[in-house]
Amino acid sequence: MPQPKNILVINAHPRQDSLCSSMARTYSESAKNAGFSVKLLSLVDLQFDLNLRARHKEEQSNIEEDILMSQNAIAEADHLVFVFPSWWASMPALLKGWIDRVFLPGFAFRYQKKSPLPIKLLLGKTARIFITMDAPTWYYWLWNLSPGVQIVKKGTLEFCGVSPVRVKLFGPVRGAKPETYQKWIGIVSDIAKKGR
């Protein structure tokens, strides 16, 4: 599989001083230094209603500039990188609201009248998901059954044609030592240098 040229990094943590935000910045800087074209999108900086209030058809004609900008950034990207914390085994409301508003039919997929399967409009793109958590990663996989991964990877990205979608988990964050943080940041940097 060819390496991506354009990478979009989506930082979905609502605090800029978080580990996720550090990981998103590290990925962006490392990928740029490796020669990739990178755009970093911090969702907390965007202005949009988290709630999908209109029907899908109505939504298309009443959309904020930052949602249109997000769609354009996705359209231009070859590789999408999502960075977010696991909250209540899922994701922050900020990310869920952004997905609801951005991954609309007609942009990310298209319904078919006589089939439950969609026409996938984001084919040819790949993705990486980084998730931080207070729980041990094995607990997230085995006990919680990785709902955040299922929602973003299976329920959103693969549904719209993005593949492959690779996942890297980091935890437990709570009680981790500074050297552990640095190790995790180093892992993110190494992945970024390969554009993966």
N, C-alpha and C. Protein backbone atom coordinates (compact mmCIF):
# COMPACT_ATOMS: atom_id res chain seq x y z
N MET A 1 0.85 -1.20 0.00
CA MET A 1 0.00 0.00 0.00
C MET A 1 0.89 1.25 0.00
N PRO A 2 0.63 2.19 -0.92
CA PRO A 2 1.47 3.40 -0.98
C PRO A 2 1.31 4.27 0.25
N GLN A 3 2.37 4.99 0.58
CA GLN A 3 2.30 5.89 1.73
C GLN A 3 1.41 7.09 1.42
N PRO A 4 0.72 7.59 2.44
CA PRO A 4 -0.13 8.77 2.22
C PRO A 4 0.73 10.02 2.01
N LYS A 5 0.20 10.95 1.24
CA LYS A 5 0.88 12.23 1.06
C LYS A 5 0.31 13.28 2.00
N ASN A 6 -1.01 13.27 2.15
CA ASN A 6 -1.69 14.27 2.97
C ASN A 6 -2.32 13.60 4.19
N ILE A 7 -1.97 14.10 5.36
CA ILE A 7 -2.44 13.50 6.61
C ILE A 7 -3.24 14.55 7.39
N LEU A 8 -4.40 14.13 7.86
CA LEU A 8 -5.22 14.97 8.72
C LEU A 8 -5.23 14.38 10.12
N VAL A 9 -4.75 15.15 11.10
CA VAL A 9 -4.73 14.72 12.50
C VAL A 9 -5.88 15.39 13.22
N ILE A 10 -6.75 14.59 13.83
CA ILE A 10 -7.91 15.10 14.54
C ILE A 10 -7.70 14.92 16.03
N ASN A 11 -7.45 16.02 16.73
CA ASN A 11 -7.30 15.99 18.19
C ASN A 11 -8.68 16.22 18.81
N ALA A 12 -9.21 15.18 19.44
CA ALA A 12 -10.58 15.25 19.96
C ALA A 12 -10.64 15.39 21.47
N HIS A 13 -9.54 15.77 22.10
CA HIS A 13 -9.57 16.03 23.54
C HIS A 13 -9.96 17.49 23.77
N PRO A 14 -10.89 17.76 24.67
CA PRO A 14 -11.33 19.14 24.89
C PRO A 14 -10.36 20.02 25.67
N ARG A 15 -9.20 19.47 26.07
CA ARG A 15 -8.19 20.30 26.75
C ARG A 15 -6.89 20.26 25.96
N GLN A 16 -6.30 21.43 25.76
CA GLN A 16 -5.06 21.51 25.00
C GLN A 16 -3.84 21.08 25.81
N ASP A 17 -3.99 20.97 27.15
CA ASP A 17 -2.86 20.55 27.98
C ASP A 17 -2.90 19.07 28.29
N SER A 18 -3.64 18.29 27.53
CA SER A 18 -3.82 16.86 27.79
C SER A 18 -2.74 16.03 27.11
N LEU A 19 -2.64 14.77 27.54
CA LEU A 19 -1.73 13.83 26.89
C LEU A 19 -2.13 13.64 25.43
N CYS A 20 -3.41 13.54 25.16
CA CYS A 20 -3.88 13.39 23.78
C CYS A 20 -3.42 14.56 22.91
N SER A 21 -3.54 15.77 23.44
CA SER A 21 -3.11 16.94 22.67
C SER A 21 -1.62 16.89 22.39
N SER A 22 -0.84 16.44 23.37
CA SER A 22 0.61 16.29 23.16
C SER A 22 0.89 15.25 22.09
N MET A 23 0.12 14.16 22.12
CA MET A 23 0.30 13.12 21.10
C MET A 23 -0.06 13.63 19.71
N ALA A 24 -1.14 14.40 19.62
CA ALA A 24 -1.56 14.94 18.33
C ALA A 24 -0.50 15.89 17.77
N ARG A 25 0.03 16.76 18.63
CA ARG A 25 1.09 17.68 18.18
C ARG A 25 2.35 16.91 17.79
N THR A 26 2.70 15.90 18.58
CA THR A 26 3.89 15.09 18.27
C THR A 26 3.74 14.39 16.94
N TYR A 27 2.58 13.79 16.72
CA TYR A 27 2.35 13.10 15.45
C TYR A 27 2.51 14.10 14.30
N SER A 28 1.87 15.25 14.42
CA SER A 28 1.91 16.26 13.35
C SER A 28 3.33 16.69 13.05
N GLU A 29 4.10 17.01 14.09
CA GLU A 29 5.47 17.48 13.90
C GLU A 29 6.37 16.39 13.32
N SER A 30 6.23 15.17 13.83
CA SER A 30 7.08 14.07 13.35
C SER A 30 6.76 13.72 11.90
N ALA A 31 5.47 13.72 11.56
CA ALA A 31 5.09 13.42 10.18
C ALA A 31 5.56 14.51 9.22
N LYS A 32 5.45 15.78 9.64
CA LYS A 32 5.94 16.88 8.81
C LYS A 32 7.44 16.75 8.60
N ASN A 33 8.17 16.45 9.67
CA ASN A 33 9.63 16.30 9.56
C ASN A 33 10.02 15.13 8.67
N ALA A 34 9.11 14.16 8.53
CA ALA A 34 9.38 13.01 7.66
C ALA A 34 8.97 13.27 6.22
N GLY A 35 8.44 14.47 5.95
CA GLY A 35 8.13 14.85 4.58
C GLY A 35 6.67 14.79 4.18
N PHE A 36 5.79 14.49 5.12
CA PHE A 36 4.37 14.43 4.81
C PHE A 36 3.74 15.82 4.91
N SER A 37 2.66 16.03 4.18
CA SER A 37 1.85 17.23 4.32
C SER A 37 0.81 16.96 5.40
N VAL A 38 0.81 17.78 6.46
CA VAL A 38 -0.01 17.47 7.63
C VAL A 38 -0.86 18.67 8.02
N LYS A 39 -2.12 18.39 8.34
CA LYS A 39 -3.02 19.40 8.90
C LYS A 39 -3.49 18.89 10.25
N LEU A 40 -3.36 19.73 11.29
CA LEU A 40 -3.82 19.38 12.64
C LEU A 40 -5.11 20.11 12.92
N LEU A 41 -6.14 19.34 13.25
CA LEU A 41 -7.45 19.89 13.55
C LEU A 41 -7.78 19.61 15.01
N SER A 42 -7.80 20.67 15.84
CA SER A 42 -8.19 20.52 17.24
C SER A 42 -9.67 20.86 17.35
N LEU A 43 -10.48 19.86 17.65
CA LEU A 43 -11.92 20.05 17.62
C LEU A 43 -12.39 21.09 18.62
N VAL A 44 -11.67 21.25 19.73
CA VAL A 44 -12.08 22.23 20.75
C VAL A 44 -12.02 23.66 20.21
N ASP A 45 -11.24 23.89 19.16
CA ASP A 45 -11.11 25.23 18.58
C ASP A 45 -12.21 25.55 17.57
N LEU A 46 -12.99 24.56 17.18
CA LEU A 46 -14.01 24.76 16.15
C LEU A 46 -15.30 25.30 16.75
N GLN A 47 -16.03 26.02 15.92
CA GLN A 47 -17.33 26.57 16.33
C GLN A 47 -18.44 25.83 15.59
N PHE A 48 -19.16 24.97 16.31
CA PHE A 48 -20.27 24.25 15.69
C PHE A 48 -21.17 23.68 16.79
N ASP A 49 -22.41 23.45 16.43
CA ASP A 49 -23.37 22.84 17.33
C ASP A 49 -23.09 21.34 17.38
N LEU A 50 -22.89 20.81 18.58
CA LEU A 50 -22.60 19.39 18.72
C LEU A 50 -23.77 18.50 18.30
N ASN A 51 -24.97 19.05 18.32
CA ASN A 51 -26.16 18.25 18.07
C ASN A 51 -26.61 18.33 16.61
N LEU A 52 -26.89 17.18 16.03
CA LEU A 52 -27.47 17.11 14.70
C LEU A 52 -28.97 17.35 14.86
N ARG A 53 -29.38 18.59 14.70
CA ARG A 53 -30.76 18.98 14.99
C ARG A 53 -31.69 18.80 13.79
N ALA A 54 -31.14 18.91 12.59
CA ALA A 54 -31.97 18.82 11.38
C ALA A 54 -31.94 17.40 10.82
N ARG A 55 -32.88 17.12 9.93
CA ARG A 55 -32.80 15.88 9.17
C ARG A 55 -31.60 15.98 8.24
N HIS A 56 -31.12 14.84 7.80
CA HIS A 56 -29.91 14.84 6.97
C HIS A 56 -30.03 15.74 5.75
N LYS A 57 -31.16 15.72 5.06
CA LYS A 57 -31.32 16.55 3.86
C LYS A 57 -31.29 18.03 4.22
N GLU A 58 -31.94 18.39 5.35
CA GLU A 58 -31.94 19.78 5.79
C GLU A 58 -30.56 20.22 6.26
N GLU A 59 -29.82 19.28 6.86
CA GLU A 59 -28.49 19.59 7.40
C GLU A 59 -27.56 20.08 6.30
N GLN A 60 -27.70 19.53 5.10
CA GLN A 60 -26.80 19.88 4.02
C GLN A 60 -26.87 21.37 3.66
N SER A 61 -28.02 21.99 3.87
CA SER A 61 -28.18 23.38 3.47
C SER A 61 -28.02 24.37 4.62
N ASN A 62 -27.74 23.86 5.82
CA ASN A 62 -27.61 24.73 6.99
C ASN A 62 -26.43 24.25 7.82
N ILE A 63 -25.24 24.58 7.36
CA ILE A 63 -24.04 23.96 7.94
C ILE A 63 -23.00 25.04 8.24
N GLU A 64 -22.34 24.93 9.39
CA GLU A 64 -21.37 25.93 9.82
C GLU A 64 -20.07 25.84 9.00
N GLU A 65 -19.33 26.95 8.97
CA GLU A 65 -18.08 27.00 8.22
C GLU A 65 -17.08 25.96 8.70
N ASP A 66 -17.00 25.75 10.02
CA ASP A 66 -16.02 24.79 10.54
C ASP A 66 -16.39 23.34 10.21
N ILE A 67 -17.66 23.06 10.02
CA ILE A 67 -18.06 21.72 9.58
C ILE A 67 -17.69 21.53 8.11
N LEU A 68 -17.95 22.55 7.29
CA LEU A 68 -17.54 22.49 5.88
C LEU A 68 -16.02 22.37 5.76
N MET A 69 -15.30 23.13 6.58
CA MET A 69 -13.84 23.06 6.57
C MET A 69 -13.38 21.65 6.94
N SER A 70 -14.03 21.03 7.93
CA SER A 70 -13.69 19.67 8.35
C SER A 70 -13.92 18.68 7.20
N GLN A 71 -15.03 18.83 6.50
CA GLN A 71 -15.30 17.94 5.38
C GLN A 71 -14.27 18.12 4.27
N ASN A 72 -13.90 19.36 3.99
CA ASN A 72 -12.89 19.62 2.98
C ASN A 72 -11.54 19.02 3.37
N ALA A 73 -11.19 19.12 4.66
CA ALA A 73 -9.93 18.57 5.14
C ALA A 73 -9.91 17.05 5.01
N ILE A 74 -11.03 16.42 5.30
CA ILE A 74 -11.14 14.96 5.15
C ILE A 74 -11.03 14.58 3.68
N ALA A 75 -11.73 15.32 2.83
CA ALA A 75 -11.71 15.03 1.39
C ALA A 75 -10.29 15.12 0.82
N GLU A 76 -9.50 16.07 1.31
CA GLU A 76 -8.14 16.27 0.80
C GLU A 76 -7.13 15.28 1.38
N ALA A 77 -7.47 14.64 2.48
CA ALA A 77 -6.52 13.76 3.18
C ALA A 77 -6.50 12.35 2.59
N ASP A 78 -5.31 11.77 2.64
CA ASP A 78 -5.16 10.35 2.30
C ASP A 78 -5.25 9.49 3.55
N HIS A 79 -4.86 10.08 4.68
CA HIS A 79 -4.75 9.33 5.93
C HIS A 79 -5.33 10.18 7.06
N LEU A 80 -6.22 9.59 7.86
CA LEU A 80 -6.86 10.27 8.98
C LEU A 80 -6.32 9.71 10.28
N VAL A 81 -5.97 10.59 11.20
CA VAL A 81 -5.44 10.18 12.50
C VAL A 81 -6.34 10.76 13.59
N PHE A 82 -6.96 9.89 14.36
CA PHE A 82 -7.84 10.31 15.46
C PHE A 82 -7.12 10.09 16.78
N VAL A 83 -7.12 11.12 17.63
CA VAL A 83 -6.50 11.03 18.95
C VAL A 83 -7.55 11.45 19.97
N PHE A 84 -7.93 10.53 20.87
CA PHE A 84 -8.94 10.88 21.86
C PHE A 84 -8.84 9.98 23.09
N PRO A 85 -9.37 10.45 24.22
CA PRO A 85 -9.38 9.64 25.43
C PRO A 85 -10.62 8.76 25.48
N SER A 86 -10.50 7.64 26.16
CA SER A 86 -11.65 6.79 26.41
C SER A 86 -12.37 7.33 27.64
N TRP A 87 -13.55 7.87 27.45
CA TRP A 87 -14.39 8.35 28.55
C TRP A 87 -15.65 7.50 28.60
N TRP A 88 -15.90 6.90 29.74
CA TRP A 88 -17.01 5.96 29.88
C TRP A 88 -16.94 4.89 28.78
N ALA A 89 -15.71 4.44 28.52
CA ALA A 89 -15.41 3.37 27.56
C ALA A 89 -15.69 3.76 26.11
N SER A 90 -15.98 5.04 25.87
CA SER A 90 -16.30 5.47 24.51
C SER A 90 -15.42 6.64 24.08
N MET A 91 -15.97 7.86 24.05
CA MET A 91 -15.24 9.01 23.57
C MET A 91 -15.85 10.28 24.15
N PRO A 92 -15.14 11.40 24.11
CA PRO A 92 -15.75 12.66 24.54
C PRO A 92 -16.92 13.05 23.65
N ALA A 93 -17.88 13.77 24.22
CA ALA A 93 -19.03 14.26 23.44
C ALA A 93 -18.57 15.11 22.27
N LEU A 94 -17.45 15.81 22.42
CA LEU A 94 -16.92 16.66 21.36
C LEU A 94 -16.69 15.86 20.08
N LEU A 95 -16.10 14.68 20.20
CA LEU A 95 -15.83 13.86 19.03
C LEU A 95 -17.12 13.27 18.45
N LYS A 96 -17.99 12.79 19.33
CA LYS A 96 -19.24 12.20 18.84
C LYS A 96 -20.07 13.25 18.11
N GLY A 97 -20.14 14.46 18.66
CA GLY A 97 -20.89 15.52 18.00
C GLY A 97 -20.30 15.89 16.66
N TRP A 98 -18.97 15.95 16.59
CA TRP A 98 -18.29 16.29 15.33
C TRP A 98 -18.56 15.22 14.29
N ILE A 99 -18.48 13.95 14.67
CA ILE A 99 -18.77 12.86 13.73
C ILE A 99 -20.21 12.98 13.23
N ASP A 100 -21.15 13.20 14.15
CA ASP A 100 -22.56 13.33 13.75
C ASP A 100 -22.76 14.42 12.71
N ARG A 101 -22.06 15.52 12.88
CA ARG A 101 -22.25 16.68 12.01
C ARG A 101 -21.45 16.60 10.70
N VAL A 102 -20.32 15.90 10.72
CA VAL A 102 -19.41 15.90 9.57
C VAL A 102 -19.65 14.71 8.64
N PHE A 103 -19.83 13.52 9.18
CA PHE A 103 -19.93 12.31 8.36
C PHE A 103 -21.37 12.12 7.87
N LEU A 104 -21.79 13.03 7.01
CA LEU A 104 -23.17 13.06 6.54
C LEU A 104 -23.34 12.23 5.27
N PRO A 105 -24.57 11.73 5.03
CA PRO A 105 -24.83 11.10 3.74
C PRO A 105 -24.67 12.12 2.63
N GLY A 106 -24.09 11.65 1.53
CA GLY A 106 -23.78 12.56 0.43
C GLY A 106 -22.35 13.04 0.49
N PHE A 107 -21.76 13.02 1.69
CA PHE A 107 -20.34 13.34 1.84
C PHE A 107 -19.54 12.08 2.16
N ALA A 108 -19.90 11.37 3.21
CA ALA A 108 -19.13 10.21 3.66
C ALA A 108 -19.68 8.88 3.14
N PHE A 109 -20.96 8.84 2.86
CA PHE A 109 -21.61 7.62 2.36
C PHE A 109 -22.90 8.01 1.67
N ARG A 110 -23.52 7.03 1.01
CA ARG A 110 -24.83 7.27 0.39
C ARG A 110 -25.69 6.03 0.62
N TYR A 111 -26.89 6.26 1.09
CA TYR A 111 -27.82 5.16 1.28
C TYR A 111 -28.27 4.60 -0.07
N GLN A 112 -28.61 3.30 -0.08
CA GLN A 112 -29.18 2.66 -1.25
C GLN A 112 -30.61 2.22 -0.93
N LYS A 113 -31.52 2.42 -1.85
CA LYS A 113 -32.93 2.15 -1.59
C LYS A 113 -33.20 0.69 -1.29
N LYS A 114 -32.56 -0.22 -2.00
CA LYS A 114 -32.89 -1.64 -1.87
C LYS A 114 -31.78 -2.45 -1.22
N SER A 115 -30.95 -1.78 -0.43
CA SER A 115 -29.86 -2.49 0.24
C SER A 115 -29.57 -1.84 1.59
N PRO A 116 -29.27 -2.67 2.61
CA PRO A 116 -28.87 -2.11 3.90
C PRO A 116 -27.43 -1.60 3.88
N LEU A 117 -26.70 -1.95 2.83
CA LEU A 117 -25.29 -1.55 2.73
C LEU A 117 -25.18 -0.21 2.03
N PRO A 118 -24.31 0.67 2.54
CA PRO A 118 -24.17 1.99 1.93
C PRO A 118 -23.22 1.97 0.75
N ILE A 119 -23.29 3.01 -0.06
CA ILE A 119 -22.23 3.29 -1.01
C ILE A 119 -21.18 4.08 -0.25
N LYS A 120 -19.97 3.57 -0.21
CA LYS A 120 -18.91 4.17 0.60
C LYS A 120 -18.20 5.26 -0.19
N LEU A 121 -18.24 6.47 0.32
CA LEU A 121 -17.71 7.62 -0.40
C LEU A 121 -16.30 8.04 0.03
N LEU A 122 -15.74 7.36 1.04
CA LEU A 122 -14.39 7.71 1.49
C LEU A 122 -13.38 6.61 1.17
N LEU A 123 -13.65 5.86 0.13
CA LEU A 123 -12.74 4.79 -0.30
C LEU A 123 -11.38 5.37 -0.68
N GLY A 124 -10.33 4.60 -0.43
CA GLY A 124 -8.98 5.02 -0.77
C GLY A 124 -8.24 5.70 0.35
N LYS A 125 -8.95 5.98 1.45
CA LYS A 125 -8.31 6.61 2.61
C LYS A 125 -7.99 5.55 3.66
N THR A 126 -6.96 5.82 4.44
CA THR A 126 -6.60 4.95 5.56
C THR A 126 -6.71 5.75 6.86
N ALA A 127 -6.59 5.07 7.99
CA ALA A 127 -6.72 5.79 9.27
C ALA A 127 -5.92 5.11 10.37
N ARG A 128 -5.65 5.90 11.37
CA ARG A 128 -5.01 5.45 12.62
C ARG A 128 -5.81 6.04 13.77
N ILE A 129 -6.04 5.23 14.80
CA ILE A 129 -6.74 5.69 16.00
C ILE A 129 -5.80 5.51 17.19
N PHE A 130 -5.56 6.59 17.94
CA PHE A 130 -4.84 6.54 19.21
C PHE A 130 -5.85 6.83 20.32
N ILE A 131 -5.93 5.94 21.31
CA ILE A 131 -6.85 6.14 22.44
C ILE A 131 -6.08 6.02 23.74
N THR A 132 -6.24 7.02 24.61
CA THR A 132 -5.67 6.95 25.96
C THR A 132 -6.77 6.57 26.93
N MET A 133 -6.39 5.94 28.05
CA MET A 133 -7.40 5.49 29.02
C MET A 133 -6.79 5.30 30.39
N ASP A 134 -7.63 5.41 31.41
CA ASP A 134 -7.18 5.16 32.77
C ASP A 134 -7.14 3.67 33.09
N ALA A 135 -7.92 2.88 32.37
CA ALA A 135 -7.94 1.44 32.59
C ALA A 135 -6.76 0.78 31.88
N PRO A 136 -6.38 -0.41 32.32
CA PRO A 136 -5.40 -1.17 31.54
C PRO A 136 -5.98 -1.50 30.17
N THR A 137 -5.14 -1.52 29.16
CA THR A 137 -5.63 -1.76 27.80
C THR A 137 -6.28 -3.13 27.66
N TRP A 138 -5.79 -4.14 28.37
CA TRP A 138 -6.40 -5.48 28.28
C TRP A 138 -7.83 -5.47 28.82
N TYR A 139 -8.06 -4.63 29.85
CA TYR A 139 -9.40 -4.53 30.44
C TYR A 139 -10.35 -3.90 29.43
N TYR A 140 -9.88 -2.91 28.72
CA TYR A 140 -10.69 -2.23 27.70
C TYR A 140 -11.09 -3.20 26.60
N TRP A 141 -10.13 -4.02 26.14
CA TRP A 141 -10.42 -4.98 25.07
C TRP A 141 -11.32 -6.12 25.55
N LEU A 142 -10.93 -6.73 26.68
CA LEU A 142 -11.61 -7.97 27.09
C LEU A 142 -12.89 -7.73 27.87
N TRP A 143 -12.92 -6.75 28.77
CA TRP A 143 -14.08 -6.53 29.62
C TRP A 143 -15.08 -5.57 28.97
N ASN A 144 -14.57 -4.43 28.48
CA ASN A 144 -15.46 -3.45 27.86
C ASN A 144 -15.75 -3.74 26.38
N LEU A 145 -14.98 -4.63 25.79
CA LEU A 145 -15.14 -4.99 24.38
C LEU A 145 -14.88 -3.81 23.44
N SER A 146 -14.02 -2.90 23.86
CA SER A 146 -13.50 -1.78 23.07
C SER A 146 -14.58 -1.00 22.31
N PRO A 147 -15.56 -0.44 23.02
CA PRO A 147 -16.65 0.28 22.33
C PRO A 147 -16.19 1.50 21.55
N GLY A 148 -15.22 2.26 22.06
CA GLY A 148 -14.74 3.42 21.32
C GLY A 148 -14.14 3.04 19.98
N VAL A 149 -13.40 1.93 19.98
CA VAL A 149 -12.83 1.42 18.72
C VAL A 149 -13.95 1.00 17.79
N GLN A 150 -14.93 0.28 18.32
CA GLN A 150 -16.03 -0.20 17.49
C GLN A 150 -16.79 0.96 16.83
N ILE A 151 -17.03 2.01 17.61
CA ILE A 151 -17.80 3.16 17.09
C ILE A 151 -17.03 3.89 16.00
N VAL A 152 -15.77 4.21 16.27
CA VAL A 152 -15.00 5.02 15.31
C VAL A 152 -14.50 4.17 14.15
N LYS A 153 -13.95 2.99 14.45
CA LYS A 153 -13.39 2.15 13.39
C LYS A 153 -14.48 1.50 12.55
N LYS A 154 -15.29 0.67 13.19
CA LYS A 154 -16.29 -0.11 12.45
C LYS A 154 -17.51 0.73 12.07
N GLY A 155 -18.08 1.40 13.08
CA GLY A 155 -19.34 2.08 12.87
C GLY A 155 -19.26 3.35 12.05
N THR A 156 -18.06 3.95 11.96
CA THR A 156 -17.92 5.21 11.22
C THR A 156 -16.97 5.06 10.03
N LEU A 157 -15.69 4.86 10.30
CA LEU A 157 -14.69 4.91 9.23
C LEU A 157 -14.86 3.78 8.22
N GLU A 158 -14.91 2.54 8.67
CA GLU A 158 -15.05 1.43 7.73
C GLU A 158 -16.41 1.45 7.04
N PHE A 159 -17.43 1.91 7.74
CA PHE A 159 -18.76 2.07 7.14
C PHE A 159 -18.71 2.99 5.93
N CYS A 160 -17.81 3.99 6.00
CA CYS A 160 -17.70 4.98 4.92
C CYS A 160 -16.60 4.64 3.92
N GLY A 161 -15.90 3.50 4.12
CA GLY A 161 -14.93 3.05 3.14
C GLY A 161 -13.48 3.22 3.52
N VAL A 162 -13.20 3.80 4.68
CA VAL A 162 -11.82 4.00 5.12
C VAL A 162 -11.23 2.66 5.56
N SER A 163 -10.09 2.28 4.97
CA SER A 163 -9.47 1.00 5.30
C SER A 163 -8.04 0.94 4.74
N PRO A 164 -7.10 0.35 5.50
CA PRO A 164 -7.28 -0.20 6.84
C PRO A 164 -7.32 0.90 7.90
N VAL A 165 -7.87 0.55 9.04
CA VAL A 165 -7.91 1.43 10.21
C VAL A 165 -7.13 0.74 11.32
N ARG A 166 -5.98 1.31 11.66
CA ARG A 166 -5.13 0.72 12.69
C ARG A 166 -5.39 1.41 14.03
N VAL A 167 -5.21 0.67 15.12
CA VAL A 167 -5.53 1.17 16.45
C VAL A 167 -4.35 0.96 17.39
N LYS A 168 -4.07 1.98 18.21
CA LYS A 168 -3.05 1.87 19.26
C LYS A 168 -3.63 2.44 20.54
N LEU A 169 -3.61 1.63 21.60
CA LEU A 169 -4.14 2.04 22.90
C LEU A 169 -3.01 2.35 23.87
N PHE A 170 -3.25 3.33 24.76
CA PHE A 170 -2.27 3.70 25.78
C PHE A 170 -2.96 3.74 27.14
N GLY A 171 -2.45 2.97 28.07
CA GLY A 171 -3.02 2.99 29.41
C GLY A 171 -2.34 1.99 30.32
N PRO A 172 -2.59 2.09 31.62
CA PRO A 172 -3.42 3.14 32.23
C PRO A 172 -2.66 4.47 32.38
N VAL A 173 -3.33 5.56 32.05
CA VAL A 173 -2.74 6.89 32.18
C VAL A 173 -2.67 7.30 33.65
N ARG A 174 -3.71 6.97 34.40
CA ARG A 174 -3.78 7.36 35.81
C ARG A 174 -2.64 6.68 36.58
N GLY A 175 -1.80 7.49 37.19
CA GLY A 175 -0.69 6.95 37.96
C GLY A 175 0.56 6.65 37.15
N ALA A 176 0.51 6.91 35.85
CA ALA A 176 1.68 6.64 35.01
C ALA A 176 2.81 7.62 35.33
N LYS A 177 4.03 7.16 35.25
CA LYS A 177 5.20 8.00 35.53
C LYS A 177 5.58 8.82 34.30
N PRO A 178 6.29 9.94 34.50
CA PRO A 178 6.71 10.78 33.37
C PRO A 178 7.46 10.01 32.29
N GLU A 179 8.28 9.04 32.70
CA GLU A 179 9.01 8.27 31.70
C GLU A 179 8.09 7.40 30.85
N THR A 180 6.96 7.00 31.43
CA THR A 180 5.97 6.24 30.66
C THR A 180 5.33 7.14 29.62
N TYR A 181 4.99 8.39 30.02
CA TYR A 181 4.45 9.36 29.05
C TYR A 181 5.43 9.55 27.90
N GLN A 182 6.70 9.71 28.21
CA GLN A 182 7.70 9.93 27.17
C GLN A 182 7.83 8.72 26.25
N LYS A 183 7.70 7.53 26.82
CA LYS A 183 7.74 6.32 26.01
C LYS A 183 6.57 6.30 25.04
N TRP A 184 5.38 6.65 25.52
CA TRP A 184 4.20 6.67 24.66
C TRP A 184 4.33 7.72 23.57
N ILE A 185 4.83 8.91 23.93
CA ILE A 185 5.05 9.96 22.94
C ILE A 185 6.02 9.49 21.87
N GLY A 186 7.03 8.75 22.29
CA GLY A 186 8.00 8.20 21.34
C GLY A 186 7.38 7.20 20.38
N ILE A 187 6.46 6.39 20.88
CA ILE A 187 5.76 5.43 20.02
C ILE A 187 4.94 6.17 18.96
N VAL A 188 4.23 7.22 19.39
CA VAL A 188 3.45 8.02 18.45
C VAL A 188 4.35 8.64 17.40
N SER A 189 5.48 9.17 17.81
CA SER A 189 6.42 9.80 16.88
C SER A 189 6.93 8.79 15.85
N ASP A 190 7.27 7.59 16.31
CA ASP A 190 7.79 6.55 15.39
C ASP A 190 6.72 6.15 14.36
N ILE A 191 5.48 6.05 14.80
CA ILE A 191 4.39 5.71 13.87
C ILE A 191 4.20 6.83 12.86
N ALA A 192 4.28 8.09 13.34
CA ALA A 192 4.08 9.24 12.47
C ALA A 192 5.14 9.31 11.38
N LYS A 193 6.38 8.99 11.71
CA LYS A 193 7.46 9.05 10.74
C LYS A 193 7.22 8.12 9.55
N LYS A 194 6.42 7.08 9.77
CA LYS A 194 6.10 6.12 8.70
C LYS A 194 4.79 6.47 7.99
N GLY A 195 4.13 7.52 8.49
CA GLY A 195 2.86 7.92 7.89
C GLY A 195 1.78 6.88 8.09
N ARG A 196 1.80 6.24 9.25
CA ARG A 196 0.83 5.16 9.51
C ARG A 196 -0.10 5.52 10.66
